[in-house]
Amino acid sequence: MKRRLEPVPSFASEAEERAYWEREDSTRHLDWSKATRVRLPNLKPGTTAISLRLPVGLLEQIKIAANKRDVPYQSLIKMWLSEKVG
């Protein structure tokens, strides 16, 4: 026997909706067995700031290489790391 799903209520604000979903069970409104995975390719991945100690000479070489490529040195470091890991 298929159970009847309750309609999702309307909300006056995002805060009201957030509070609702924090206290209510979504299975009353959604059939999660029919859910499918989605990809959101246009979302930027989260970033985290790190502290990295580099020898002064190495950092200068990186900055020179970045300047030649007309990119910020931190972006160049990220590109190089991504290439090496990926």
Protein backbone atom coordinates (compact mmCIF):
# COMPACT_ATOMS: atom_id res chain seq x y z
CA MET A 1 0.00 0.00 0.00
CA LYS A 2 1.34 3.34 -1.03
CA ARG A 3 1.28 5.98 1.68
CA ARG A 4 -0.04 9.43 0.95
CA LEU A 5 2.51 12.25 1.12
CA GLU A 6 1.65 15.53 2.78
CA PRO A 7 2.09 18.69 0.71
CA VAL A 8 5.03 20.93 1.59
CA PRO A 9 3.64 24.02 3.36
CA SER A 10 4.23 27.57 2.15
CA PHE A 11 6.62 29.72 4.14
CA ALA A 12 6.68 33.47 4.72
CA SER A 13 10.47 33.61 4.90
CA GLU A 14 13.60 31.53 4.46
CA ALA A 15 14.12 31.61 8.23
CA GLU A 16 10.65 30.13 8.77
CA GLU A 17 11.34 27.38 6.23
CA ARG A 18 14.72 26.61 7.81
CA ALA A 19 13.12 26.31 11.25
CA TYR A 20 10.45 23.99 9.84
CA TRP A 21 12.91 21.58 8.22
CA GLU A 22 15.11 21.58 11.34
CA ARG A 23 12.26 20.16 13.41
CA GLU A 24 10.22 18.13 10.87
CA ASP A 25 10.89 14.84 9.12
CA SER A 26 11.06 15.24 5.33
CA THR A 27 9.76 11.70 4.73
CA ARG A 28 6.25 12.97 5.47
CA HIS A 29 6.53 15.12 2.33
CA LEU A 30 8.96 13.32 0.01
CA ASP A 31 9.40 9.78 -1.27
CA TRP A 32 13.17 9.44 -0.96
CA SER A 33 13.12 6.03 -2.69
CA LYS A 34 12.51 7.89 -5.97
CA ALA A 35 15.32 10.38 -5.42
CA THR A 36 18.10 10.57 -7.99
CA ARG A 37 21.61 11.96 -7.71
CA VAL A 38 22.23 15.28 -9.38
CA ARG A 39 25.44 17.07 -10.29
CA LEU A 40 25.73 20.80 -9.90
CA PRO A 41 28.76 21.53 -12.07
CA ASN A 42 28.55 25.31 -11.80
CA LEU A 43 28.96 25.42 -8.04
CA LYS A 44 32.34 26.51 -6.81
CA PRO A 45 33.92 24.06 -4.38
CA GLY A 46 34.52 25.36 -0.88
CA THR A 47 37.96 26.59 -0.03
CA THR A 48 40.04 26.64 3.12
CA ALA A 49 42.87 29.00 3.91
CA ILE A 50 46.14 27.32 4.87
CA SER A 51 49.47 28.58 6.07
CA LEU A 52 52.47 27.32 4.12
CA ARG A 53 56.05 28.22 4.91
CA LEU A 54 58.24 28.47 1.82
CA PRO A 55 61.84 29.51 1.45
CA VAL A 56 62.03 33.14 0.30
CA GLY A 57 63.90 32.18 -2.86
CA LEU A 58 61.30 29.60 -3.85
CA LEU A 59 58.45 32.06 -3.33
CA GLU A 60 60.26 34.63 -5.46
CA GLN A 61 60.70 32.07 -8.24
CA ILE A 62 56.99 31.23 -8.07
CA LYS A 63 56.08 34.92 -8.23
CA ILE A 64 58.32 35.40 -11.28
CA ALA A 65 56.75 32.38 -13.00
CA ALA A 66 53.26 33.70 -12.18
CA ASN A 67 54.16 37.15 -13.51
CA LYS A 68 55.34 35.61 -16.80
CA ARG A 69 51.99 33.81 -17.08
CA ASP A 70 50.05 36.92 -15.99
CA VAL A 71 48.30 35.08 -13.14
CA PRO A 72 48.36 35.67 -9.38
CA TYR A 73 51.05 33.56 -7.72
CA GLN A 74 48.57 31.86 -5.39
CA SER A 75 46.47 30.82 -8.39
CA LEU A 76 49.56 29.41 -10.05
CA ILE A 77 50.39 27.40 -6.93
CA LYS A 78 46.82 26.01 -6.93
CA MET A 79 47.09 25.12 -10.62
CA TRP A 80 50.38 23.31 -10.09
CA LEU A 81 49.05 21.41 -7.08
CA SER A 82 45.93 20.42 -8.98
CA GLU A 83 47.97 19.15 -11.92
CA LYS A 84 50.26 17.16 -9.66
CA VAL A 85 47.50 15.59 -7.55
CA GLY A 86 44.96 15.08 -10.35
